[in-house]
Amino acid sequence: MEDFWARYIEPSGQPGPDYWNYFAQRLADLATIPEGAAVLDIGTYDGNVLFKAMKKAGARGCGVGIDIYGGGLKMVLPRR
């Protein structure tokens, strides 16, 4: 199954709009994430949404991202 998803998420090398960054920010902006929240991002790939959501959670928040594709985000260290 990982090979199936990897076909669609591997960078193509072609320049184009950064719509992933836009939608990640928009999703985090619209989400109700209180200070100190625990954030779970399922299907995180590179953590784009996760990191934006964790900014809303602040220094006392934490986050975990998981994905079926092993080539994305490797680890999120706790903030200190």
PDB file of N, CA and C in Angstrom:
ATOM      1  N   MET A   1       0.820  -1.182   0.000  1.00  0.00           N
ATOM      2  CA  MET A   1       0.000   0.000   0.000  1.00  0.00           C
ATOM      3  C   MET A   1       0.874   1.260   0.000  1.00  0.00           C
ATOM      4  N   GLU A   2       2.007   1.203   0.673  1.00  0.00           N
ATOM      5  CA  GLU A   2       2.910   2.354   0.718  1.00  0.00           C
ATOM      6  C   GLU A   2       3.324   2.770  -0.683  1.00  0.00           C
ATOM      7  N   ASP A   3       3.599   1.808  -1.561  1.00  0.00           N
ATOM      8  CA  ASP A   3       3.998   2.121  -2.939  1.00  0.00           C
ATOM      9  C   ASP A   3       2.895   2.862  -3.691  1.00  0.00           C
ATOM     10  N   PHE A   4       1.658   2.492  -3.433  1.00  0.00           N
ATOM     11  CA  PHE A   4       0.529   3.161  -4.084  1.00  0.00           C
ATOM     12  C   PHE A   4       0.514   4.648  -3.739  1.00  0.00           C
ATOM     13  N   TRP A   5       0.597   4.983  -2.445  1.00  0.00           N
ATOM     14  CA  TRP A   5       0.544   6.387  -2.021  1.00  0.00           C
ATOM     15  C   TRP A   5       1.805   7.139  -2.426  1.00  0.00           C
ATOM     16  N   ALA A   6       2.934   6.468  -2.415  1.00  0.00           N
ATOM     17  CA  ALA A   6       4.193   7.131  -2.764  1.00  0.00           C
ATOM     18  C   ALA A   6       4.166   7.679  -4.188  1.00  0.00           C
ATOM     19  N   ARG A   7       3.434   7.037  -5.068  1.00  0.00           N
ATOM     20  CA  ARG A   7       3.336   7.536  -6.452  1.00  0.00           C
ATOM     21  C   ARG A   7       2.753   8.938  -6.500  1.00  0.00           C
ATOM     22  N   TYR A   8       1.873   9.256  -5.580  1.00  0.00           N
ATOM     23  CA  TYR A   8       1.158  10.529  -5.625  1.00  0.00           C
ATOM     24  C   TYR A   8       1.798  11.617  -4.770  1.00  0.00           C
ATOM     25  N   ILE A   9       2.659  11.255  -3.846  1.00  0.00           N
ATOM     26  CA  ILE A   9       3.204  12.279  -2.956  1.00  0.00           C
ATOM     27  C   ILE A   9       4.669  12.579  -3.206  1.00  0.00           C
ATOM     28  N   GLU A  10       5.339  11.797  -4.020  1.00  0.00           N
ATOM     29  CA  GLU A  10       6.727  12.100  -4.333  1.00  0.00           C
ATOM     30  C   GLU A  10       6.780  13.398  -5.137  1.00  0.00           C
ATOM     31  N   PRO A  11       7.729  14.280  -4.833  1.00  0.00           N
ATOM     32  CA  PRO A  11       7.835  15.526  -5.597  1.00  0.00           C
ATOM     33  C   PRO A  11       8.112  15.248  -7.072  1.00  0.00           C
ATOM     34  N   SER A  12       7.493  16.023  -7.928  1.00  0.00           N
ATOM     35  CA  SER A  12       7.665  15.824  -9.366  1.00  0.00           C
ATOM     36  C   SER A  12       8.859  16.586  -9.911  1.00  0.00           C
ATOM     37  N   GLY A  13       9.375  17.543  -9.149  1.00  0.00           N
ATOM     38  CA  GLY A  13      10.472  18.367  -9.612  1.00  0.00           C
ATOM     39  C   GLY A  13      10.001  19.533 -10.467  1.00  0.00           C
ATOM     40  N   GLN A  14       8.702  19.593 -10.735  1.00  0.00           N
ATOM     41  CA  GLN A  14       8.148  20.667 -11.542  1.00  0.00           C
ATOM     42  C   GLN A  14       7.738  21.836 -10.651  1.00  0.00           C
ATOM     43  N   PRO A  15       8.062  23.062 -11.060  1.00  0.00           N
ATOM     44  CA  PRO A  15       7.617  24.211 -10.271  1.00  0.00           C
ATOM     45  C   PRO A  15       6.101  24.346 -10.350  1.00  0.00           C
ATOM     46  N   GLY A  16       5.534  24.872  -9.312  1.00  0.00           N
ATOM     47  CA  GLY A  16       4.086  25.055  -9.298  1.00  0.00           C
ATOM     48  C   GLY A  16       3.658  25.761  -8.035  1.00  0.00           C
ATOM     49  N   PRO A  17       2.373  25.961  -7.884  1.00  0.00           N
ATOM     50  CA  PRO A  17       1.881  26.674  -6.704  1.00  0.00           C
ATOM     51  C   PRO A  17       2.095  25.852  -5.438  1.00  0.00           C
ATOM     52  N   ASP A  18       2.338  26.535  -4.365  1.00  0.00           N
ATOM     53  CA  ASP A  18       2.543  25.863  -3.083  1.00  0.00           C
ATOM     54  C   ASP A  18       1.195  25.710  -2.377  1.00  0.00           C
ATOM     55  N   TYR A  19       0.293  24.961  -3.026  1.00  0.00           N
ATOM     56  CA  TYR A  19      -1.046  24.832  -2.454  1.00  0.00           C
ATOM     57  C   TYR A  19      -1.063  23.988  -1.201  1.00  0.00           C
ATOM     58  N   TRP A  20      -0.123  23.068  -1.047  1.00  0.00           N
ATOM     59  CA  TRP A  20      -0.086  22.263   0.180  1.00  0.00           C
ATOM     60  C   TRP A  20       0.136  23.163   1.385  1.00  0.00           C
ATOM     61  N   ASN A  21       1.065  24.106   1.277  1.00  0.00           N
ATOM     62  CA  ASN A  21       1.351  25.024   2.376  1.00  0.00           C
ATOM     63  C   ASN A  21       0.131  25.898   2.675  1.00  0.00           C
ATOM     64  N   TYR A  22      -0.530  26.388   1.630  1.00  0.00           N
ATOM     65  CA  TYR A  22      -1.720  27.228   1.811  1.00  0.00           C
ATOM     66  C   TYR A  22      -2.812  26.465   2.551  1.00  0.00           C
ATOM     67  N   PHE A  23      -3.145  25.255   2.087  1.00  0.00           N
ATOM     68  CA  PHE A  23      -4.220  24.492   2.708  1.00  0.00           C
ATOM     69  C   PHE A  23      -3.842  24.012   4.107  1.00  0.00           C
ATOM     70  N   ALA A  24      -2.577  23.726   4.334  1.00  0.00           N
ATOM     71  CA  ALA A  24      -2.135  23.348   5.683  1.00  0.00           C
ATOM     72  C   ALA A  24      -2.361  24.509   6.645  1.00  0.00           C
ATOM     73  N   GLN A  25      -1.983  25.703   6.231  1.00  0.00           N
ATOM     74  CA  GLN A  25      -2.181  26.874   7.085  1.00  0.00           C
ATOM     75  C   GLN A  25      -3.661  27.166   7.287  1.00  0.00           C
ATOM     76  N   ARG A  26      -4.426  27.038   6.225  1.00  0.00           N
ATOM     77  CA  ARG A  26      -5.878  27.295   6.310  1.00  0.00           C
ATOM     78  C   ARG A  26      -6.546  26.311   7.262  1.00  0.00           C
ATOM     79  N   LEU A  27      -6.181  25.050   7.186  1.00  0.00           N
ATOM     80  CA  LEU A  27      -6.738  24.042   8.073  1.00  0.00           C
ATOM     81  C   LEU A  27      -6.393  24.344   9.531  1.00  0.00           C
ATOM     82  N   ALA A  28      -5.145  24.683   9.791  1.00  0.00           N
ATOM     83  CA  ALA A  28      -4.735  25.018  11.155  1.00  0.00           C
ATOM     84  C   ALA A  28      -5.457  26.274  11.642  1.00  0.00           C
ATOM     85  N   ASP A  29      -5.633  27.253  10.770  1.00  0.00           N
ATOM     86  CA  ASP A  29      -6.328  28.485  11.152  1.00  0.00           C
ATOM     87  C   ASP A  29      -7.777  28.222  11.534  1.00  0.00           C
ATOM     88  N   LEU A  30      -8.434  27.323  10.823  1.00  0.00           N
ATOM     89  CA  LEU A  30      -9.855  27.043  11.069  1.00  0.00           C
ATOM     90  C   LEU A  30     -10.092  26.083  12.236  1.00  0.00           C
ATOM     91  N   ALA A  31      -9.075  25.324  12.603  1.00  0.00           N
ATOM     92  CA  ALA A  31      -9.225  24.338  13.684  1.00  0.00           C
ATOM     93  C   ALA A  31      -9.251  25.027  15.045  1.00  0.00           C
ATOM     94  N   THR A  32     -10.051  24.484  15.943  1.00  0.00           N
ATOM     95  CA  THR A  32     -10.082  24.965  17.318  1.00  0.00           C
ATOM     96  C   THR A  32      -9.016  24.206  18.093  1.00  0.00           C
ATOM     97  N   ILE A  33      -7.875  24.857  18.287  1.00  0.00           N
ATOM     98  CA  ILE A  33      -6.750  24.233  18.980  1.00  0.00           C
ATOM     99  C   ILE A  33      -6.376  25.141  20.143  1.00  0.00           C
ATOM    100  N   PRO A  34      -6.750  24.752  21.364  1.00  0.00           N
ATOM    101  CA  PRO A  34      -6.433  25.609  22.511  1.00  0.00           C
ATOM    102  C   PRO A  34      -4.963  25.520  22.917  1.00  0.00           C
ATOM    103  N   GLU A  35      -4.505  26.497  23.631  1.00  0.00           N
ATOM    104  CA  GLU A  35      -3.146  26.503  24.194  1.00  0.00           C
ATOM    105  C   GLU A  35      -2.956  25.234  25.022  1.00  0.00           C
ATOM    106  N   GLY A  36      -1.857  24.540  24.800  1.00  0.00           N
ATOM    107  CA  GLY A  36      -1.536  23.329  25.553  1.00  0.00           C
ATOM    108  C   GLY A  36      -2.170  22.063  25.004  1.00  0.00           C
ATOM    109  N   ALA A  37      -2.798  22.137  23.841  1.00  0.00           N
ATOM    110  CA  ALA A  37      -3.493  20.976  23.267  1.00  0.00           C
ATOM    111  C   ALA A  37      -2.516  19.904  22.802  1.00  0.00           C
ATOM    112  N   ALA A  38      -3.015  18.685  22.758  1.00  0.00           N
ATOM    113  CA  ALA A  38      -2.301  17.577  22.134  1.00  0.00           C
ATOM    114  C   ALA A  38      -2.870  17.430  20.723  1.00  0.00           C
ATOM    115  N   VAL A  39      -2.004  17.452  19.714  1.00  0.00           N
ATOM    116  CA  VAL A  39      -2.417  17.419  18.317  1.00  0.00           C
ATOM    117  C   VAL A  39      -2.026  16.075  17.708  1.00  0.00           C
ATOM    118  N   LEU A  40      -2.980  15.405  17.065  1.00  0.00           N
ATOM    119  CA  LEU A  40      -2.724  14.156  16.351  1.00  0.00           C
ATOM    120  C   LEU A  40      -3.005  14.391  14.882  1.00  0.00           C
ATOM    121  N   ASP A  41      -2.016  14.147  14.037  1.00  0.00           N
ATOM    122  CA  ASP A  41      -2.157  14.307  12.589  1.00  0.00           C
ATOM    123  C   ASP A  41      -1.989  12.942  11.942  1.00  0.00           C
ATOM    124  N   ILE A  42      -3.093  12.403  11.442  1.00  0.00           N
ATOM    125  CA  ILE A  42      -3.067  11.099  10.782  1.00  0.00           C
ATOM    126  C   ILE A  42      -2.932  11.333   9.283  1.00  0.00           C
ATOM    127  N   GLY A  43      -1.913  10.737   8.692  1.00  0.00           N
ATOM    128  CA  GLY A  43      -1.600  10.984   7.293  1.00  0.00           C
ATOM    129  C   GLY A  43      -0.739  12.230   7.157  1.00  0.00           C
ATOM    130  N   THR A  44       0.190  12.394   8.070  1.00  0.00           N
ATOM    131  CA  THR A  44       0.961  13.639   8.197  1.00  0.00           C
ATOM    132  C   THR A  44       1.962  13.892   7.075  1.00  0.00           C
ATOM    133  N   TYR A  45       2.460  12.872   6.443  1.00  0.00           N
ATOM    134  CA  TYR A  45       3.548  12.914   5.460  1.00  0.00           C
ATOM    135  C   TYR A  45       4.722  13.746   5.972  1.00  0.00           C
ATOM    136  N   ASP A  46       4.820  15.013   5.595  1.00  0.00           N
ATOM    137  CA  ASP A  46       5.990  15.809   6.008  1.00  0.00           C
ATOM    138  C   ASP A  46       5.718  16.667   7.235  1.00  0.00           C
ATOM    139  N   GLY A  47       4.536  16.572   7.812  1.00  0.00           N
ATOM    140  CA  GLY A  47       4.222  17.317   9.028  1.00  0.00           C
ATOM    141  C   GLY A  47       3.785  18.749   8.793  1.00  0.00           C
ATOM    142  N   ASN A  48       3.484  19.113   7.558  1.00  0.00           N
ATOM    143  CA  ASN A  48       3.127  20.485   7.242  1.00  0.00           C
ATOM    144  C   ASN A  48       1.955  20.991   8.085  1.00  0.00           C
ATOM    145  N   VAL A  49       0.873  20.233   8.147  1.00  0.00           N
ATOM    146  CA  VAL A  49      -0.278  20.627   8.952  1.00  0.00           C
ATOM    147  C   VAL A  49       0.061  20.503  10.433  1.00  0.00           C
ATOM    148  N   LEU A  50       0.743  19.443  10.804  1.00  0.00           N
ATOM    149  CA  LEU A  50       1.081  19.200  12.200  1.00  0.00           C
ATOM    150  C   LEU A  50       1.858  20.362  12.809  1.00  0.00           C
ATOM    151  N   PHE A  51       2.887  20.835  12.117  1.00  0.00           N
ATOM    152  CA  PHE A  51       3.703  21.915  12.670  1.00  0.00           C
ATOM    153  C   PHE A  51       2.921  23.216  12.786  1.00  0.00           C
ATOM    154  N   LYS A  52       2.039  23.484  11.843  1.00  0.00           N
ATOM    155  CA  LYS A  52       1.218  24.691  11.910  1.00  0.00           C
ATOM    156  C   LYS A  52       0.209  24.580  13.053  1.00  0.00           C
ATOM    157  N   ALA A  53      -0.349  23.397  13.240  1.00  0.00           N
ATOM    158  CA  ALA A  53      -1.290  23.185  14.336  1.00  0.00           C
ATOM    159  C   ALA A  53      -0.588  23.277  15.687  1.00  0.00           C
ATOM    160  N   MET A  54       0.643  22.778  15.755  1.00  0.00           N
ATOM    161  CA  MET A  54       1.386  22.828  17.008  1.00  0.00           C
ATOM    162  C   MET A  54       1.738  24.268  17.393  1.00  0.00           C
ATOM    163  N   LYS A  55       1.892  25.143  16.410  1.00  0.00           N
ATOM    164  CA  LYS A  55       2.122  26.561  16.731  1.00  0.00           C
ATOM    165  C   LYS A  55       0.945  27.119  17.504  1.00  0.00           C
ATOM    166  N   LYS A  56      -0.284  26.715  17.126  1.00  0.00           N
ATOM    167  CA  LYS A  56      -1.468  27.168  17.845  1.00  0.00           C
ATOM    168  C   LYS A  56      -1.523  26.568  19.248  1.00  0.00           C
ATOM    169  N   ALA A  57      -1.022  25.351  19.404  1.00  0.00           N
ATOM    170  CA  ALA A  57      -1.023  24.690  20.710  1.00  0.00           C
ATOM    171  C   ALA A  57      -0.008  25.324  21.656  1.00  0.00           C
ATOM    172  N   GLY A  58       0.977  26.002  21.085  1.00  0.00           N
ATOM    173  CA  GLY A  58       1.951  26.722  21.909  1.00  0.00           C
ATOM    174  C   GLY A  58       3.015  25.833  22.522  1.00  0.00           C
ATOM    175  N   ALA A  59       3.825  26.449  23.349  1.00  0.00           N
ATOM    176  CA  ALA A  59       4.971  25.768  23.958  1.00  0.00           C
ATOM    177  C   ALA A  59       4.547  24.645  24.902  1.00  0.00           C
ATOM    178  N   ARG A  60       3.349  24.708  25.441  1.00  0.00           N
ATOM    179  CA  ARG A  60       2.883  23.669  26.360  1.00  0.00           C
ATOM    180  C   ARG A  60       2.148  22.549  25.644  1.00  0.00           C
ATOM    181  N   GLY A  61       1.957  22.687  24.338  1.00  0.00           N
ATOM    182  CA  GLY A  61       1.283  21.655  23.560  1.00  0.00           C
ATOM    183  C   GLY A  61       2.246  20.586  23.090  1.00  0.00           C
ATOM    184  N   CYS A  62       1.690  19.552  22.479  1.00  0.00           N
ATOM    185  CA  CYS A  62       2.518  18.490  21.927  1.00  0.00           C
ATOM    186  C   CYS A  62       1.838  17.969  20.665  1.00  0.00           C
ATOM    187  N   GLY A  63       2.591  17.245  19.858  1.00  0.00           N
ATOM    188  CA  GLY A  63       2.026  16.729  18.625  1.00  0.00           C
ATOM    189  C   GLY A  63       2.615  15.393  18.235  1.00  0.00           C
ATOM    190  N   VAL A  64       1.783  14.601  17.561  1.00  0.00           N
ATOM    191  CA  VAL A  64       2.194  13.299  17.031  1.00  0.00           C
ATOM    192  C   VAL A  64       1.662  13.211  15.607  1.00  0.00           C
ATOM    193  N   GLY A  65       2.531  12.826  14.692  1.00  0.00           N
ATOM    194  CA  GLY A  65       2.118  12.617  13.312  1.00  0.00           C
ATOM    195  C   GLY A  65       2.437  11.206  12.885  1.00  0.00           C
ATOM    196  N   ILE A  66       1.476  10.551  12.226  1.00  0.00           N
ATOM    197  CA  ILE A  66       1.695   9.196  11.716  1.00  0.00           C
ATOM    198  C   ILE A  66       1.303   9.155  10.244  1.00  0.00           C
ATOM    199  N   ASP A  67       1.974   8.281   9.510  1.00  0.00           N
ATOM    200  CA  ASP A  67       1.683   8.142   8.089  1.00  0.00           C
ATOM    201  C   ASP A  67       2.099   6.759   7.622  1.00  0.00           C
ATOM    202  N   ILE A  68       1.386   6.214   6.650  1.00  0.00           N
ATOM    203  CA  ILE A  68       1.713   4.910   6.095  1.00  0.00           C
ATOM    204  C   ILE A  68       2.995   4.978   5.268  1.00  0.00           C
ATOM    205  N   TYR A  69       3.303   6.148   4.730  1.00  0.00           N
ATOM    206  CA  TYR A  69       4.474   6.337   3.878  1.00  0.00           C
ATOM    207  C   TYR A  69       5.691   6.641   4.742  1.00  0.00           C
ATOM    208  N   GLY A  70       6.708   5.812   4.651  1.00  0.00           N
ATOM    209  CA  GLY A  70       7.888   5.957   5.494  1.00  0.00           C
ATOM    210  C   GLY A  70       8.850   7.050   5.074  1.00  0.00           C
ATOM    211  N   GLY A  71       8.654   7.684   3.927  1.00  0.00           N
ATOM    212  CA  GLY A  71       9.582   8.692   3.444  1.00  0.00           C
ATOM    213  C   GLY A  71       9.267  10.098   3.899  1.00  0.00           C
ATOM    214  N   GLY A  72       8.270  10.276   4.727  1.00  0.00           N
ATOM    215  CA  GLY A  72       7.875  11.604   5.169  1.00  0.00           C
ATOM    216  C   GLY A  72       8.532  11.982   6.478  1.00  0.00           C
ATOM    217  N   LEU A  73       7.729  12.496   7.366  1.00  0.00           N
ATOM    218  CA  LEU A  73       8.183  12.958   8.669  1.00  0.00           C
ATOM    219  C   LEU A  73       8.745  11.790   9.472  1.00  0.00           C
ATOM    220  N   LYS A  74       9.897  11.996  10.064  1.00  0.00           N
ATOM    221  CA  LYS A  74      10.538  10.926  10.830  1.00  0.00           C
ATOM    222  C   LYS A  74      10.268  11.053  12.333  1.00  0.00           C
ATOM    223  N   MET A  75      10.341  12.258  12.858  1.00  0.00           N
ATOM    224  CA  MET A  75      10.234  12.397  14.304  1.00  0.00           C
ATOM    225  C   MET A  75       9.900  13.833  14.658  1.00  0.00           C
ATOM    226  N   VAL A  76       9.096  13.998  15.676  1.00  0.00           N
ATOM    227  CA  VAL A  76       8.836  15.326  16.221  1.00  0.00           C
ATOM    228  C   VAL A  76       9.330  15.306  17.661  1.00  0.00           C
ATOM    229  N   LEU A  77      10.261  16.167  17.950  1.00  0.00           N
ATOM    230  CA  LEU A  77      10.815  16.227  19.303  1.00  0.00           C
ATOM    231  C   LEU A  77       9.964  17.162  20.142  1.00  0.00           C
ATOM    232  N   PRO A  78       9.839  16.869  21.431  1.00  0.00           N
ATOM    233  CA  PRO A  78       9.050  17.750  22.297  1.00  0.00           C
ATOM    234  C   PRO A  78       9.696  19.126  22.408  1.00  0.00           C
ATOM    235  N   ARG A  79       8.858  20.121  22.505  1.00  0.00           N
ATOM    236  CA  ARG A  79       9.362  21.477  22.706  1.00  0.00           C
ATOM    237  C   ARG A  79       9.767  21.633  24.160  1.00  0.00           C
ATOM    238  N   ARG A  80      10.779  22.426  24.370  1.00  0.00           N
ATOM    239  CA  ARG A  80      11.236  22.666  25.750  1.00  0.00           C
ATOM    240  C   ARG A  80      11.199  24.134  26.042  1.00  0.00           C
TER     241      ARG A  80
END
